[in-house]
Amino acid sequence: MTSLRLLACQINVPTMTTVHERDAHLDTLVEKVDAELENAPTDVVVLPELTTLDYARATFEELDTLAEPLDGSSFQKWSGLAQKHNCHVVYGLARHDSGRDFISTAAVSPDGKLIGHYDKLHLCHYGAGMEKDYFTAGDHIFTFTVNGIKLAPIICYDIRIPELCRTLTLTHNVDVILHCGAYFRDESFATWHAFAQTRAMENQIYLLSLNRAGENYGNSLFCPPWMDDLTPPTQFPEHAEMLKRLKIDRQIIAETRKNYTFLADRHKDYTAL
């Protein structure tokens, strides 16, 4: 197969500081996604960065109890949903391992098994970001394939480091980057879309840039491999929740690279020039 059906979930995340509040939010969110999946088949469900946690210093101060192992509450809930609807689920969590906490994205397969995880490589520490105070940076990438289409998660601030998307495209042959974020409306918010659109077009791939919903969030973006006045990116609501269905088509990637030969026209070694 050469196509893929995504369900991208721009969702609210309430304020929380306790495990009870975290798990109550998780239960509510799973119910929402479950109801939407009853409407039509989906190959991959995608949720934003730190799906189950409020992005706030008060919340991060409680990571000793709120952060989870890979087989914790989030995995148990999303694993059950994946099995029920025969789909992959890509979700965010604060991951605890060996005394350290990571901002992570994990993926489960239709049989409910964990197929891998990615820990945020670049920690944001400006504007509303204070991640270096609480989290450890990751040290690996993660890719997985659905319907012959290769996907890779990255997280929020990662989009501003071009080498990561370039490596995923050129070295690992990724077709779709799942850019899961918690983009707060601070001084860098206005530049976020420009980075997302550039990464999609310069690498000639699909890029889903998925934010959470809310007064200070929203405006998720879905970028095809080529964008112009007739083929704009898909915009999500400015603030409101939306569970939006999207389509990936590898033929579009092939046609884009045939018509616009950016990648083929690269020099083999720019350091030698």
C-alpha atoms as a PDB file:
ATOM      1  CA  MET A   1       0.000   0.000   0.000  1.00  0.00           C
ATOM      2  CA  THR A   2       1.074   3.594  -0.590  1.00  0.00           C
ATOM      3  CA  SER A   3      -1.416   5.514   1.540  1.00  0.00           C
ATOM      4  CA  LEU A   4      -2.055   6.043   5.213  1.00  0.00           C
ATOM      5  CA  ARG A   5      -4.975   7.387   7.238  1.00  0.00           C
ATOM      6  CA  LEU A   6      -4.064   9.574  10.218  1.00  0.00           C
ATOM      7  CA  LEU A   7      -6.237  10.845  13.045  1.00  0.00           C
ATOM      8  CA  ALA A   8      -4.480  13.920  14.474  1.00  0.00           C
ATOM      9  CA  CYS A   9      -5.774  14.972  17.894  1.00  0.00           C
ATOM     10  CA  GLN A  10      -5.432  18.612  18.976  1.00  0.00           C
ATOM     11  CA  ILE A  11      -6.702  18.109  22.522  1.00  0.00           C
ATOM     12  CA  ASN A  12      -6.997  20.043  25.770  1.00  0.00           C
ATOM     13  CA  VAL A  13      -4.790  19.095  28.713  1.00  0.00           C
ATOM     14  CA  PRO A  14      -6.084  20.346  32.088  1.00  0.00           C
ATOM     15  CA  THR A  15      -4.016  21.621  34.987  1.00  0.00           C
ATOM     16  CA  MET A  16      -2.843  18.762  37.198  1.00  0.00           C
ATOM     17  CA  THR A  17      -0.416  17.917  39.979  1.00  0.00           C
ATOM     18  CA  THR A  18      -1.614  14.449  41.089  1.00  0.00           C
ATOM     19  CA  VAL A  19      -1.686  10.957  39.601  1.00  0.00           C
ATOM     20  CA  HIS A  20      -5.466  10.859  40.099  1.00  0.00           C
ATOM     21  CA  GLU A  21      -5.872  14.006  37.967  1.00  0.00           C
ATOM     22  CA  ARG A  22      -3.491  12.638  35.324  1.00  0.00           C
ATOM     23  CA  ASP A  23      -5.320   9.330  35.027  1.00  0.00           C
ATOM     24  CA  ALA A  24      -8.760  10.979  35.025  1.00  0.00           C
ATOM     25  CA  HIS A  25      -7.641  13.132  32.078  1.00  0.00           C
ATOM     26  CA  LEU A  26      -6.253  10.051  30.346  1.00  0.00           C
ATOM     27  CA  ASP A  27      -9.557   8.198  30.764  1.00  0.00           C
ATOM     28  CA  THR A  28     -11.511  11.155  29.340  1.00  0.00           C
ATOM     29  CA  LEU A  29      -9.148  11.493  26.402  1.00  0.00           C
ATOM     30  CA  VAL A  30      -9.239   7.786  25.538  1.00  0.00           C
ATOM     31  CA  GLU A  31     -13.048   7.941  25.544  1.00  0.00           C
ATOM     32  CA  LYS A  32     -12.989  10.868  23.077  1.00  0.00           C
ATOM     33  CA  VAL A  33     -10.616   9.129  20.693  1.00  0.00           C
ATOM     34  CA  ASP A  34     -12.509   5.855  21.049  1.00  0.00           C
ATOM     35  CA  ALA A  35     -15.762   7.562  20.035  1.00  0.00           C
ATOM     36  CA  GLU A  36     -14.114   9.176  17.000  1.00  0.00           C
ATOM     37  CA  LEU A  37     -12.581   5.901  15.855  1.00  0.00           C
ATOM     38  CA  GLU A  38     -16.053   4.351  15.729  1.00  0.00           C
ATOM     39  CA  ASN A  39     -16.804   6.648  12.771  1.00  0.00           C
ATOM     40  CA  ALA A  40     -14.193   5.412  10.288  1.00  0.00           C
ATOM     41  CA  PRO A  41     -11.131   3.136  10.068  1.00  0.00           C
ATOM     42  CA  THR A  42      -7.799   4.765  10.945  1.00  0.00           C
ATOM     43  CA  ASP A  43      -4.239   3.530  10.547  1.00  0.00           C
ATOM     44  CA  VAL A  44      -2.436   5.835  12.989  1.00  0.00           C
ATOM     45  CA  VAL A  45      -3.704   8.015  15.854  1.00  0.00           C
ATOM     46  CA  VAL A  46      -1.344  10.855  16.825  1.00  0.00           C
ATOM     47  CA  LEU A  47      -1.427  12.851  20.074  1.00  0.00           C
ATOM     48  CA  PRO A  48       0.653  15.865  21.151  1.00  0.00           C
ATOM     49  CA  GLU A  49       3.715  16.206  23.364  1.00  0.00           C
ATOM     50  CA  LEU A  50       3.209  15.188  27.008  1.00  0.00           C
ATOM     51  CA  THR A  51      -0.310  14.019  26.173  1.00  0.00           C
ATOM     52  CA  THR A  52      -1.198  13.327  29.786  1.00  0.00           C
ATOM     53  CA  LEU A  53       0.521  16.240  31.573  1.00  0.00           C
ATOM     54  CA  ASP A  54      -0.040  19.958  31.866  1.00  0.00           C
ATOM     55  CA  TYR A  55       3.023  21.861  30.627  1.00  0.00           C
ATOM     56  CA  ALA A  56       3.755  23.854  33.779  1.00  0.00           C
ATOM     57  CA  ARG A  57       6.434  24.161  36.415  1.00  0.00           C
ATOM     58  CA  ALA A  58       3.992  23.153  39.167  1.00  0.00           C
ATOM     59  CA  THR A  59       3.297  19.925  37.291  1.00  0.00           C
ATOM     60  CA  PHE A  60       6.954  19.222  36.569  1.00  0.00           C
ATOM     61  CA  GLU A  61       7.765  19.644  40.256  1.00  0.00           C
ATOM     62  CA  GLU A  62       5.681  16.489  40.789  1.00  0.00           C
ATOM     63  CA  LEU A  63       7.459  14.311  38.220  1.00  0.00           C
ATOM     64  CA  ASP A  64       8.532  11.881  40.950  1.00  0.00           C
ATOM     65  CA  THR A  65       4.931  10.672  40.963  1.00  0.00           C
ATOM     66  CA  LEU A  66       3.574  11.850  37.593  1.00  0.00           C
ATOM     67  CA  ALA A  67       6.279  10.465  35.281  1.00  0.00           C
ATOM     68  CA  GLU A  68       5.679   6.897  34.088  1.00  0.00           C
ATOM     69  CA  PRO A  69       7.612   3.839  32.980  1.00  0.00           C
ATOM     70  CA  LEU A  70       7.017   2.730  29.388  1.00  0.00           C
ATOM     71  CA  ASP A  71       4.532   0.108  30.598  1.00  0.00           C
ATOM     72  CA  GLY A  72       2.626   2.553  32.810  1.00  0.00           C
ATOM     73  CA  SER A  73      -0.899   3.977  32.711  1.00  0.00           C
ATOM     74  CA  SER A  74      -0.541   5.632  29.301  1.00  0.00           C
ATOM     75  CA  PHE A  75       0.662   2.436  27.655  1.00  0.00           C
ATOM     76  CA  GLN A  76      -2.101   0.355  29.233  1.00  0.00           C
ATOM     77  CA  LYS A  77      -4.848   2.691  28.028  1.00  0.00           C
ATOM     78  CA  TRP A  78      -3.529   3.321  24.504  1.00  0.00           C
ATOM     79  CA  SER A  79      -2.633  -0.332  24.039  1.00  0.00           C
ATOM     80  CA  GLY A  80      -6.232  -1.306  24.707  1.00  0.00           C
ATOM     81  CA  LEU A  81      -7.517   1.321  22.280  1.00  0.00           C
ATOM     82  CA  ALA A  82      -5.074   0.194  19.554  1.00  0.00           C
ATOM     83  CA  GLN A  83      -6.269  -3.396  19.868  1.00  0.00           C
ATOM     84  CA  LYS A  84      -9.937  -2.436  19.866  1.00  0.00           C
ATOM     85  CA  HIS A  85      -9.654  -0.374  16.668  1.00  0.00           C
ATOM     86  CA  ASN A  86      -6.806  -2.249  14.933  1.00  0.00           C
ATOM     87  CA  CYS A  87      -4.623   0.851  14.627  1.00  0.00           C
ATOM     88  CA  HIS A  88      -1.326   2.315  15.760  1.00  0.00           C
ATOM     89  CA  VAL A  89      -1.356   4.969  18.496  1.00  0.00           C
ATOM     90  CA  VAL A  90       1.441   7.530  18.936  1.00  0.00           C
ATOM     91  CA  TYR A  91       1.240   9.347  22.271  1.00  0.00           C
ATOM     92  CA  GLY A  92       3.301  11.560  24.552  1.00  0.00           C
ATOM     93  CA  LEU A  93       4.335  10.979  28.138  1.00  0.00           C
ATOM     94  CA  ALA A  94       6.828  12.004  30.785  1.00  0.00           C
ATOM     95  CA  ARG A  95       8.960   8.869  30.985  1.00  0.00           C
ATOM     96  CA  HIS A  96      10.865   7.871  34.128  1.00  0.00           C
ATOM     97  CA  ASP A  97      13.832   5.543  33.857  1.00  0.00           C
ATOM     98  CA  SER A  98      16.767   4.909  36.208  1.00  0.00           C
ATOM     99  CA  GLY A  99      16.270   8.105  38.200  1.00  0.00           C
ATOM    100  CA  ARG A 100      15.896  10.336  35.128  1.00  0.00           C
ATOM    101  CA  ASP A 101      12.863  11.866  33.415  1.00  0.00           C
ATOM    102  CA  PHE A 102      12.417  12.235  29.659  1.00  0.00           C
ATOM    103  CA  ILE A 103       9.883  13.955  27.402  1.00  0.00           C
ATOM    104  CA  SER A 104       8.964  10.971  25.273  1.00  0.00           C
ATOM    105  CA  THR A 105       6.777   9.832  22.420  1.00  0.00           C
ATOM    106  CA  ALA A 106       5.813   6.142  22.346  1.00  0.00           C
ATOM    107  CA  ALA A 107       3.999   4.044  19.763  1.00  0.00           C
ATOM    108  CA  VAL A 108       1.850   0.929  20.120  1.00  0.00           C
ATOM    109  CA  SER A 109       0.823  -1.391  17.298  1.00  0.00           C
ATOM    110  CA  PRO A 110      -2.619  -2.853  16.500  1.00  0.00           C
ATOM    111  CA  ASP A 111      -1.777  -5.932  18.569  1.00  0.00           C
ATOM    112  CA  GLY A 112      -1.260  -3.686  21.597  1.00  0.00           C
ATOM    113  CA  LYS A 113       2.505  -4.058  21.777  1.00  0.00           C
ATOM    114  CA  LEU A 114       4.958  -1.223  22.367  1.00  0.00           C
ATOM    115  CA  ILE A 115       6.971  -0.913  19.155  1.00  0.00           C
ATOM    116  CA  GLY A 116       9.350   1.797  20.335  1.00  0.00           C
ATOM    117  CA  HIS A 117       9.813   5.220  21.839  1.00  0.00           C
ATOM    118  CA  TYR A 118      11.644   8.465  21.181  1.00  0.00           C
ATOM    119  CA  ASP A 119      13.054  10.777  23.858  1.00  0.00           C
ATOM    120  CA  LYS A 120      13.226  14.475  22.983  1.00  0.00           C
ATOM    121  CA  LEU A 121      16.755  15.180  21.723  1.00  0.00           C
ATOM    122  CA  HIS A 122      16.711  18.972  22.127  1.00  0.00           C
ATOM    123  CA  LEU A 123      15.341  20.447  25.346  1.00  0.00           C
ATOM    124  CA  CYS A 124      13.700  23.869  25.128  1.00  0.00           C
ATOM    125  CA  HIS A 125      14.880  26.435  27.651  1.00  0.00           C
ATOM    126  CA  TYR A 126      13.591  29.851  26.616  1.00  0.00           C
ATOM    127  CA  GLY A 127      10.201  31.580  26.647  1.00  0.00           C
ATOM    128  CA  ALA A 128       7.740  29.256  28.370  1.00  0.00           C
ATOM    129  CA  GLY A 129      10.219  26.372  28.209  1.00  0.00           C
ATOM    130  CA  MET A 130      12.110  25.263  31.329  1.00  0.00           C
ATOM    131  CA  GLU A 131      12.867  21.695  30.336  1.00  0.00           C
ATOM    132  CA  LYS A 132      16.549  21.543  31.294  1.00  0.00           C
ATOM    133  CA  ASP A 133      15.489  22.059  34.906  1.00  0.00           C
ATOM    134  CA  TYR A 134      13.532  18.791  34.925  1.00  0.00           C
ATOM    135  CA  PHE A 135      14.329  16.503  31.990  1.00  0.00           C
ATOM    136  CA  THR A 136      17.224  14.631  30.386  1.00  0.00           C
ATOM    137  CA  ALA A 137      17.816  14.848  26.627  1.00  0.00           C
ATOM    138  CA  GLY A 138      17.415  11.692  24.560  1.00  0.00           C
ATOM    139  CA  ASP A 139      20.118   9.866  22.621  1.00  0.00           C
ATOM    140  CA  HIS A 140      18.376   7.996  19.785  1.00  0.00           C
ATOM    141  CA  ILE A 141      15.841   8.276  16.977  1.00  0.00           C
ATOM    142  CA  PHE A 142      12.879   5.963  16.413  1.00  0.00           C
ATOM    143  CA  THR A 143      11.152   5.030  13.152  1.00  0.00           C
ATOM    144  CA  PHE A 144       8.345   2.620  12.331  1.00  0.00           C
ATOM    145  CA  THR A 145       6.524   1.558   9.183  1.00  0.00           C
ATOM    146  CA  VAL A 146       2.783   1.312   8.516  1.00  0.00           C
ATOM    147  CA  ASN A 147       1.379   0.301   5.107  1.00  0.00           C
ATOM    148  CA  GLY A 148       4.864   0.582   3.631  1.00  0.00           C
ATOM    149  CA  ILE A 149       5.143   4.214   4.773  1.00  0.00           C
ATOM    150  CA  LYS A 150       7.926   5.132   7.206  1.00  0.00           C
ATOM    151  CA  LEU A 151       7.199   7.494  10.089  1.00  0.00           C
ATOM    152  CA  ALA A 152       9.348   9.120  12.772  1.00  0.00           C
ATOM    153  CA  PRO A 153       8.345  11.200  15.800  1.00  0.00           C
ATOM    154  CA  ILE A 154      10.143  14.360  16.851  1.00  0.00           C
ATOM    155  CA  ILE A 155       9.078  16.686  19.653  1.00  0.00           C
ATOM    156  CA  CYS A 156       8.389  20.445  19.703  1.00  0.00           C
ATOM    157  CA  TYR A 157      11.759  22.307  19.854  1.00  0.00           C
ATOM    158  CA  ASP A 158      13.360  19.580  17.700  1.00  0.00           C
ATOM    159  CA  ILE A 159      11.819  21.239  14.615  1.00  0.00           C
ATOM    160  CA  ARG A 160      14.215  24.181  14.967  1.00  0.00           C
ATOM    161  CA  ILE A 161      17.297  21.980  14.547  1.00  0.00           C
ATOM    162  CA  PRO A 162      17.380  21.182  10.799  1.00  0.00           C
ATOM    163  CA  GLU A 163      19.950  18.379  11.032  1.00  0.00           C
ATOM    164  CA  LEU A 164      17.450  16.052  12.713  1.00  0.00           C
ATOM    165  CA  CYS A 165      14.781  16.173   9.986  1.00  0.00           C
ATOM    166  CA  ARG A 166      17.487  16.065   7.327  1.00  0.00           C
ATOM    167  CA  THR A 167      19.004  12.933   8.813  1.00  0.00           C
ATOM    168  CA  LEU A 168      15.622  11.254   9.156  1.00  0.00           C
ATOM    169  CA  THR A 169      14.946  11.977   5.483  1.00  0.00           C
ATOM    170  CA  LEU A 170      18.300  11.266   3.860  1.00  0.00           C
ATOM    171  CA  THR A 171      19.720   8.538   6.085  1.00  0.00           C
ATOM    172  CA  HIS A 172      16.576   6.782   7.292  1.00  0.00           C
ATOM    173  CA  ASN A 173      14.241   7.352   4.323  1.00  0.00           C
ATOM    174  CA  VAL A 174      11.388   8.663   6.451  1.00  0.00           C
ATOM    175  CA  ASP A 175       8.212   9.667   4.577  1.00  0.00           C
ATOM    176  CA  VAL A 176       6.333  11.327   7.448  1.00  0.00           C
ATOM    177  CA  ILE A 177       7.571  13.282  10.454  1.00  0.00           C
ATOM    178  CA  LEU A 178       5.175  13.368  13.395  1.00  0.00           C
ATOM    179  CA  HIS A 179       6.114  16.618  15.117  1.00  0.00           C
ATOM    180  CA  CYS A 180       4.281  16.476  18.449  1.00  0.00           C
ATOM    181  CA  GLY A 181       4.412  19.712  20.418  1.00  0.00           C
ATOM    182  CA  ALA A 182       3.198  21.778  23.341  1.00  0.00           C
ATOM    183  CA  TYR A 183       3.539  25.155  21.661  1.00  0.00           C
ATOM    184  CA  PHE A 184       2.684  27.877  24.179  1.00  0.00           C
ATOM    185  CA  ARG A 185       1.944  31.343  22.806  1.00  0.00           C
ATOM    186  CA  ASP A 186       5.220  32.907  23.888  1.00  0.00           C
ATOM    187  CA  GLU A 187       7.608  35.011  21.759  1.00  0.00           C
ATOM    188  CA  SER A 188       8.576  32.050  19.547  1.00  0.00           C
ATOM    189  CA  PHE A 189       5.011  30.953  18.687  1.00  0.00           C
ATOM    190  CA  ALA A 190       4.782  33.173  15.607  1.00  0.00           C
ATOM    191  CA  THR A 191       7.800  31.492  13.978  1.00  0.00           C
ATOM    192  CA  TRP A 192       6.762  27.884  14.576  1.00  0.00           C
ATOM    193  CA  HIS A 193       4.773  27.412  11.356  1.00  0.00           C
ATOM    194  CA  ALA A 194       7.604  28.753   9.219  1.00  0.00           C
ATOM    195  CA  PHE A 195       9.932  26.100  10.623  1.00  0.00           C
ATOM    196  CA  ALA A 196       7.377  23.317  10.099  1.00  0.00           C
ATOM    197  CA  GLN A 197       6.628  24.301   6.501  1.00  0.00           C
ATOM    198  CA  THR A 198      10.316  24.669   5.684  1.00  0.00           C
ATOM    199  CA  ARG A 199      11.192  21.233   7.089  1.00  0.00           C
ATOM    200  CA  ALA A 200       8.432  19.640   5.015  1.00  0.00           C
ATOM    201  CA  MET A 201       9.368  21.367   1.768  1.00  0.00           C
ATOM    202  CA  GLU A 202      13.152  21.181   2.016  1.00  0.00           C
ATOM    203  CA  ASN A 203      12.955  17.447   2.726  1.00  0.00           C
ATOM    204  CA  GLN A 204       9.938  16.844   0.452  1.00  0.00           C
ATOM    205  CA  ILE A 205       8.069  14.821   3.055  1.00  0.00           C
ATOM    206  CA  TYR A 206       4.790  15.045   4.966  1.00  0.00           C
ATOM    207  CA  LEU A 207       5.019  16.767   8.333  1.00  0.00           C
ATOM    208  CA  LEU A 208       2.275  16.838  10.946  1.00  0.00           C
ATOM    209  CA  SER A 209       2.986  19.605  13.468  1.00  0.00           C
ATOM    210  CA  LEU A 210       0.515  18.802  16.240  1.00  0.00           C
ATOM    211  CA  ASN A 211      -0.087  21.111  19.183  1.00  0.00           C
ATOM    212  CA  ARG A 212      -2.425  20.732  22.135  1.00  0.00           C
ATOM    213  CA  ALA A 213      -5.622  22.817  22.270  1.00  0.00           C
ATOM    214  CA  GLY A 214      -6.424  25.636  24.685  1.00  0.00           C
ATOM    215  CA  GLU A 215      -6.331  29.385  25.198  1.00  0.00           C
ATOM    216  CA  ASN A 216      -2.530  29.471  24.998  1.00  0.00           C
ATOM    217  CA  TYR A 217      -2.007  26.676  22.438  1.00  0.00           C
ATOM    218  CA  GLY A 218      -3.736  25.496  19.230  1.00  0.00           C
ATOM    219  CA  ASN A 219      -3.023  26.203  15.541  1.00  0.00           C
ATOM    220  CA  SER A 220      -1.709  22.741  14.611  1.00  0.00           C
ATOM    221  CA  LEU A 221      -0.545  22.365  11.018  1.00  0.00           C
ATOM    222  CA  PHE A 222      -0.358  19.523   8.484  1.00  0.00           C
ATOM    223  CA  CYS A 223       2.181  20.080   5.707  1.00  0.00           C
ATOM    224  CA  PRO A 224       2.358  18.109   2.451  1.00  0.00           C
ATOM    225  CA  PRO A 225       5.699  17.720   0.616  1.00  0.00           C
ATOM    226  CA  TRP A 226       4.897  20.702  -1.618  1.00  0.00           C
ATOM    227  CA  MET A 227       2.886  23.817  -0.702  1.00  0.00           C
ATOM    228  CA  ASP A 228       1.725  26.783  -2.770  1.00  0.00           C
ATOM    229  CA  ASP A 229      -1.409  28.901  -3.231  1.00  0.00           C
ATOM    230  CA  LEU A 230      -3.299  25.927  -4.648  1.00  0.00           C
ATOM    231  CA  THR A 231      -1.892  23.409  -2.160  1.00  0.00           C
ATOM    232  CA  PRO A 232      -1.757  25.117   1.238  1.00  0.00           C
ATOM    233  CA  PRO A 233      -1.041  23.373   4.543  1.00  0.00           C
ATOM    234  CA  THR A 234      -4.046  22.129   6.501  1.00  0.00           C
ATOM    235  CA  GLN A 235      -4.850  24.428   9.409  1.00  0.00           C
ATOM    236  CA  PHE A 236      -6.382  23.380  12.729  1.00  0.00           C
ATOM    237  CA  PRO A 237      -8.495  25.704  14.935  1.00  0.00           C
ATOM    238  CA  GLU A 238      -6.824  28.588  16.706  1.00  0.00           C
ATOM    239  CA  HIS A 239      -7.738  27.280  20.173  1.00  0.00           C
ATOM    240  CA  ALA A 240     -10.456  24.616  20.059  1.00  0.00           C
ATOM    241  CA  GLU A 241     -10.084  20.878  20.237  1.00  0.00           C
ATOM    242  CA  MET A 242     -10.173  19.018  16.944  1.00  0.00           C
ATOM    243  CA  LEU A 243      -9.724  15.377  16.017  1.00  0.00           C
ATOM    244  CA  LYS A 244      -8.913  15.685  12.323  1.00  0.00           C
ATOM    245  CA  ARG A 245      -8.553  12.990   9.672  1.00  0.00           C
ATOM    246  CA  LEU A 246      -5.625  13.331   7.272  1.00  0.00           C
ATOM    247  CA  LYS A 247      -4.222  11.274   4.407  1.00  0.00           C
ATOM    248  CA  ILE A 248      -0.637  10.403   3.514  1.00  0.00           C
ATOM    249  CA  ASP A 249       0.081   9.385  -0.092  1.00  0.00           C
ATOM    250  CA  ARG A 250       3.580   8.242  -1.080  1.00  0.00           C
ATOM    251  CA  GLN A 251       2.781   8.969  -4.724  1.00  0.00           C
ATOM    252  CA  ILE A 252       2.604  12.661  -3.822  1.00  0.00           C
ATOM    253  CA  ILE A 253       6.126  12.442  -2.402  1.00  0.00           C
ATOM    254  CA  ALA A 254       7.380  10.782  -5.592  1.00  0.00           C
ATOM    255  CA  GLU A 255       5.691  13.362  -7.826  1.00  0.00           C
ATOM    256  CA  THR A 256       7.025  16.252  -5.753  1.00  0.00           C
ATOM    257  CA  ARG A 257      10.590  14.974  -5.963  1.00  0.00           C
ATOM    258  CA  LYS A 258      10.228  14.437  -9.704  1.00  0.00           C
ATOM    259  CA  ASN A 259       8.887  17.931 -10.358  1.00  0.00           C
ATOM    260  CA  TYR A 260      11.111  19.808  -7.905  1.00  0.00           C
ATOM    261  CA  THR A 261      14.549  18.218  -7.790  1.00  0.00           C
ATOM    262  CA  PHE A 262      15.840  19.786  -4.568  1.00  0.00           C
ATOM    263  CA  LEU A 263      17.169  16.547  -3.108  1.00  0.00           C
ATOM    264  CA  ALA A 264      18.622  15.200  -6.365  1.00  0.00           C
ATOM    265  CA  ASP A 265      20.489  18.463  -7.015  1.00  0.00           C
ATOM    266  CA  ARG A 266      22.431  18.433  -3.754  1.00  0.00           C
ATOM    267  CA  HIS A 267      26.235  18.329  -3.843  1.00  0.00           C
ATOM    268  CA  LYS A 268      27.677  15.219  -2.243  1.00  0.00           C
ATOM    269  CA  ASP A 269      30.014  17.155   0.061  1.00  0.00           C
ATOM    270  CA  TYR A 270      29.512  20.811   0.959  1.00  0.00           C
ATOM    271  CA  THR A 271      32.483  20.884   3.320  1.00  0.00           C
ATOM    272  CA  ALA A 272      34.830  20.487   0.352  1.00  0.00           C
ATOM    273  CA  LEU A 273      33.591  23.578  -1.475  1.00  0.00           C
END
